[in-house]
Amino acid sequence: MENPFLMNKKADLLIVDARVDESIISNLKKYNVEIIKTIECKDILEPVAYHPDMVIHPVNHNTIVVAPNVYDYYKEVLFKKPINIIKGEKLLNRNYPEDIAYNVARVWKYAVHKVKNMDPKLKFYLLKEGLEFIDVNQGYSKCSTAIIADKAVITSDNSIYKALIKQGIDVLHIQEGYIDLLGFDYGFIGGATSCIGGNDVILFSGDYTSHSDKLKINNFIKKNRKSSKILSDKKIIDIGSIITLRYN
């Protein structure tokens, strides 16, 4: 079962926060991928209003479930692309937990989320993919989870750490903070990392050398036979993940 956040083959298309620094876009383009910038979801808080992982969940490498709030935009910009675009049922609102319906982490054979708040249609399609659900207290589960390998993740969230350890997942538990997110005290490691697939490189949105657990992070990545690349020389920032899609 292929994790769409950790694809075996290189992505053809990336969906990226429209506000990211241009150096991030330039470095992503070096991988010869098409980039689609997000539209603002005006119904949720402004700091995360452009975050792709708040409004889109990739069910698999070429199928996405999209919040009704922004569905028309993605239907239009992905027109003629071989991507299956499914309209979710849950309209997002600014108050937690009314904004978390699509922010689901994917780890090995599991979908990790505050399950009662998951969009019903997304839940249907994830079950159809054969995934099992792990219920956690953290509603921003994708934001909070950096996918490093099939059975290896990094998180600062205690509920995700405890739940995944029980399932035999290798979890590096790091300190909260050290990742910027304008409007909040800090952002999350999952929203600041991504993998475009087809290689063993974990992409970081910016420089994380000021993180108190930088050595642990580097060693964990190496232990899982991966390398890291920093997309911008500015400080690491939560950009709401990068949604990766592939045509075949």
Protein backbone atom coordinates (compact mmCIF):
# COMPACT_ATOMS: atom_id res chain seq x y z
CA MET A 1 0.00 0.00 0.00
CA GLU A 2 1.63 3.20 -1.22
CA ASN A 3 1.60 6.25 1.03
CA PRO A 4 0.79 9.34 -1.11
CA PHE A 5 3.04 11.39 1.18
CA LEU A 6 5.91 8.98 0.49
CA MET A 7 5.46 7.78 -3.08
CA ASN A 8 7.64 5.12 -4.70
CA LYS A 9 7.83 7.09 -7.95
CA LYS A 10 8.49 10.80 -8.41
CA ALA A 11 5.48 13.09 -8.31
CA ASP A 12 4.32 14.84 -11.46
CA LEU A 13 2.50 17.64 -9.67
CA LEU A 14 2.81 19.42 -6.33
CA ILE A 15 0.21 21.54 -4.54
CA VAL A 16 2.01 24.17 -2.46
CA ASP A 17 1.01 27.08 -0.22
CA ALA A 18 0.75 30.13 -2.49
CA ARG A 19 2.58 32.29 0.04
CA VAL A 20 5.82 30.32 0.27
CA ASP A 21 9.14 32.01 -0.35
CA GLU A 22 10.12 32.01 -4.02
CA SER A 23 13.33 30.13 -3.21
CA ILE A 24 11.19 27.15 -2.17
CA ILE A 25 9.37 27.22 -5.52
CA SER A 26 12.66 27.54 -7.43
CA ASN A 27 14.19 24.57 -5.64
CA LEU A 28 11.08 22.45 -6.14
CA LYS A 29 11.10 23.20 -9.87
CA LYS A 30 14.55 21.64 -10.11
CA TYR A 31 12.83 18.28 -9.65
CA ASN A 32 10.99 18.82 -12.94
CA VAL A 33 7.52 18.85 -11.41
CA GLU A 34 4.50 21.01 -12.10
CA ILE A 35 3.51 23.28 -9.23
CA ILE A 36 -0.03 24.37 -8.43
CA LYS A 37 -0.38 27.13 -5.84
CA THR A 38 -3.19 27.01 -3.32
CA ILE A 39 -6.10 29.40 -3.00
CA GLU A 40 -7.07 30.98 0.31
CA CYS A 41 -9.74 29.17 2.26
CA LYS A 42 -11.38 32.22 3.80
CA ASP A 43 -13.44 30.18 6.25
CA ILE A 44 -10.49 29.08 8.40
CA LEU A 45 -7.86 31.02 10.35
CA GLU A 46 -5.65 33.22 8.18
CA PRO A 47 -2.27 31.67 9.18
CA VAL A 48 -3.36 28.27 7.78
CA ALA A 49 -5.80 29.52 5.14
CA TYR A 50 -3.44 28.61 2.27
CA HIS A 51 -2.18 25.34 3.75
CA PRO A 52 -2.90 22.48 1.34
CA ASP A 53 -3.14 19.86 4.10
CA MET A 54 -6.03 21.76 5.69
CA VAL A 55 -8.28 21.48 2.64
CA ILE A 56 -6.97 18.50 0.63
CA HIS A 57 -6.21 14.89 1.42
CA PRO A 58 -4.60 12.60 -1.18
CA VAL A 59 -6.40 9.27 -0.91
CA ASN A 60 -3.81 7.78 -3.25
CA HIS A 61 -1.30 9.02 -5.82
CA ASN A 62 -3.95 10.39 -8.20
CA THR A 63 -7.09 10.85 -6.08
CA ILE A 64 -7.80 13.74 -3.74
CA VAL A 65 -10.70 14.64 -1.46
CA VAL A 66 -11.15 18.42 -1.32
CA ALA A 67 -13.09 20.55 1.15
CA PRO A 68 -16.26 22.01 -0.42
CA ASN A 69 -15.02 25.49 0.54
CA VAL A 70 -12.35 25.43 -2.21
CA TYR A 71 -13.47 22.54 -4.41
CA ASP A 72 -14.37 24.67 -7.44
CA TYR A 73 -10.88 26.18 -7.61
CA TYR A 74 -9.10 22.81 -7.63
CA LYS A 75 -11.63 21.37 -10.05
CA GLU A 76 -10.71 24.20 -12.42
CA VAL A 77 -6.91 24.28 -12.01
CA LEU A 78 -6.64 20.49 -12.28
CA PHE A 79 -8.98 20.38 -15.28
CA LYS A 80 -7.74 17.87 -17.90
CA LYS A 81 -5.20 16.44 -15.44
CA PRO A 82 -5.63 12.69 -14.84
CA ILE A 83 -6.53 13.39 -11.21
CA ASN A 84 -9.72 12.18 -9.55
CA ILE A 85 -11.09 15.14 -7.56
CA ILE A 86 -13.71 14.21 -4.98
CA LYS A 87 -15.77 16.85 -3.22
CA GLY A 88 -15.79 16.33 0.55
CA GLU A 89 -18.91 16.72 2.66
CA LYS A 90 -17.55 18.72 5.58
CA LEU A 91 -17.50 22.49 5.22
CA LEU A 92 -14.59 23.91 7.17
CA ASN A 93 -14.98 26.64 9.79
CA ARG A 94 -12.41 28.68 11.68
CA ASN A 95 -13.06 27.23 15.15
CA TYR A 96 -11.28 24.02 16.17
CA PRO A 97 -12.24 21.20 15.61
CA GLU A 98 -14.34 22.46 12.70
CA ASP A 99 -11.17 23.02 10.64
CA ILE A 100 -9.47 19.61 10.89
CA ALA A 101 -11.64 17.31 8.75
CA TYR A 102 -9.01 16.71 6.03
CA ASN A 103 -5.78 17.03 8.05
CA VAL A 104 -5.15 13.29 8.31
CA ALA A 105 -1.70 11.72 8.74
CA ARG A 106 -0.79 8.59 6.79
CA VAL A 107 1.65 6.13 8.33
CA TRP A 108 2.17 2.65 6.83
CA LYS A 109 -1.30 1.04 6.72
CA TYR A 110 -2.86 3.58 9.06
CA ALA A 111 -4.82 6.82 8.82
CA VAL A 112 -4.08 8.78 11.98
CA HIS A 113 -6.58 11.41 13.10
CA LYS A 114 -9.19 12.59 15.58
CA VAL A 115 -11.50 10.18 13.81
CA LYS A 116 -14.88 11.56 14.90
CA ASN A 117 -14.00 14.84 13.17
CA MET A 118 -12.84 13.31 9.88
CA ASP A 119 -14.81 14.18 6.77
CA PRO A 120 -17.29 11.30 6.16
CA LYS A 121 -16.49 11.03 2.47
CA LEU A 122 -12.74 10.98 3.13
CA LYS A 123 -13.32 8.27 5.71
CA PHE A 124 -15.26 6.23 3.13
CA TYR A 125 -12.45 6.42 0.57
CA LEU A 126 -9.70 5.69 3.09
CA LEU A 127 -11.57 2.56 4.17
CA LYS A 128 -11.89 1.65 0.50
CA GLU A 129 -8.09 1.87 0.26
CA GLY A 130 -7.88 -0.73 3.04
CA LEU A 131 -6.54 1.61 5.69
CA GLU A 132 -7.04 1.14 9.41
CA PHE A 133 -7.80 4.12 11.65
CA ILE A 134 -5.81 5.20 14.68
CA ASP A 135 -7.68 7.69 16.85
CA VAL A 136 -5.57 10.39 18.52
CA ASN A 137 -6.27 13.58 20.45
CA GLN A 138 -4.35 15.73 17.95
CA GLY A 139 -6.72 17.05 15.28
CA TYR A 140 -3.88 18.51 13.17
CA SER A 141 -2.38 15.07 12.75
CA LYS A 142 -0.84 15.59 9.29
CA CYS A 143 0.65 18.92 10.34
CA SER A 144 2.11 17.18 13.37
CA THR A 145 3.63 14.16 11.61
CA ALA A 146 6.70 14.14 9.37
CA ILE A 147 6.64 10.98 7.25
CA ILE A 148 10.23 9.74 6.92
CA ALA A 149 9.75 6.11 5.83
CA ASP A 150 6.94 3.55 5.68
CA LYS A 151 7.26 2.83 9.38
CA ALA A 152 9.20 5.86 10.59
CA VAL A 153 7.93 9.32 11.55
CA ILE A 154 8.91 12.41 13.52
CA THR A 155 6.43 14.23 15.75
CA SER A 156 6.29 16.57 18.72
CA ASP A 157 2.79 15.39 19.63
CA ASN A 158 2.53 13.07 22.60
CA SER A 159 -0.75 11.38 21.61
CA ILE A 160 0.57 10.54 18.12
CA TYR A 161 3.86 9.31 19.59
CA LYS A 162 2.14 6.96 22.06
CA ALA A 163 -0.39 5.65 19.52
CA LEU A 164 2.18 4.85 16.83
CA ILE A 165 4.72 3.29 19.18
CA LYS A 166 2.03 0.75 20.12
CA GLN A 167 1.76 -0.23 16.44
CA GLY A 168 5.48 -0.85 16.08
CA ILE A 169 6.19 2.40 14.24
CA ASP A 170 9.63 3.96 14.75
CA VAL A 171 8.85 7.40 16.16
CA LEU A 172 11.26 10.19 16.98
CA HIS A 173 9.59 12.39 19.60
CA ILE A 174 10.99 15.93 19.40
CA GLN A 175 10.51 19.15 21.34
CA GLU A 176 7.65 21.45 20.41
CA GLY A 177 8.51 24.79 18.86
CA TYR A 178 11.48 26.01 16.80
CA ILE A 179 9.30 25.99 13.64
CA ASP A 180 7.66 29.26 12.61
CA LEU A 181 3.98 29.74 11.81
CA LEU A 182 2.91 33.38 11.67
CA GLY A 183 -0.01 34.00 14.01
CA PHE A 184 0.76 31.02 16.25
CA ASP A 185 3.39 30.34 18.90
CA TYR A 186 4.96 27.74 16.60
CA GLY A 187 4.29 25.41 13.69
CA PHE A 188 4.67 21.66 13.25
CA ILE A 189 7.32 19.39 11.75
CA GLY A 190 4.89 17.57 9.45
CA GLY A 191 3.81 20.82 7.85
CA ALA A 192 7.45 21.80 7.33
CA THR A 193 8.62 18.59 5.61
CA SER A 194 7.73 16.62 2.53
CA CYS A 195 8.93 14.04 0.04
CA ILE A 196 8.32 14.31 -3.69
CA GLY A 197 8.73 10.55 -4.17
CA GLY A 198 11.09 8.47 -6.22
CA ASN A 199 14.13 9.35 -4.13
CA ASP A 200 15.37 9.13 -0.57
CA VAL A 201 15.33 12.86 0.16
CA ILE A 202 13.29 14.52 2.89
CA LEU A 203 12.62 18.15 2.00
CA PHE A 204 12.63 20.79 4.74
CA SER A 205 10.96 24.15 4.11
CA GLY A 206 13.87 25.99 5.70
CA ASP A 207 16.88 25.94 7.97
CA TYR A 208 16.23 23.86 11.11
CA THR A 209 19.71 24.14 12.66
CA SER A 210 18.27 26.19 15.55
CA HIS A 211 16.01 23.29 16.57
CA SER A 212 17.03 21.83 19.91
CA ASP A 213 16.71 18.31 18.46
CA LYS A 214 18.49 18.96 15.16
CA LEU A 215 21.08 16.21 15.77
CA LYS A 216 18.39 13.68 16.67
CA ILE A 217 16.48 14.63 13.53
CA ASN A 218 19.57 14.23 11.33
CA ASN A 219 20.49 10.89 12.90
CA PHE A 220 16.93 9.59 12.58
CA ILE A 221 16.83 10.49 8.89
CA LYS A 222 20.20 8.79 8.31
CA LYS A 223 19.10 5.72 10.27
CA ASN A 224 16.21 5.36 7.85
CA ARG A 225 18.59 5.63 4.87
CA LYS A 226 17.34 9.03 3.82
CA SER A 227 19.01 12.39 3.33
CA SER A 228 17.67 15.88 3.91
CA LYS A 229 17.51 18.96 1.70
CA ILE A 230 16.68 22.48 2.84
CA LEU A 231 14.51 24.36 0.33
CA SER A 232 15.20 27.84 1.71
CA ASP A 233 18.00 29.37 3.75
CA LYS A 234 15.39 31.15 5.86
CA LYS A 235 14.21 29.64 9.15
CA ILE A 236 12.07 26.51 8.88
CA ILE A 237 8.35 27.32 8.61
CA ASP A 238 5.16 25.27 8.63
CA ILE A 239 3.81 25.52 5.07
CA GLY A 240 1.00 23.00 5.50
CA SER A 241 2.83 20.09 3.88
CA ILE A 242 3.12 19.62 0.11
CA ILE A 243 0.48 17.52 -1.62
CA THR A 244 2.19 15.21 -4.14
CA LEU A 245 0.32 13.70 -7.09
CA ARG A 246 1.35 11.35 -9.86
CA TYR A 247 -0.40 10.57 -13.12
CA ASN A 248 0.47 6.86 -13.38
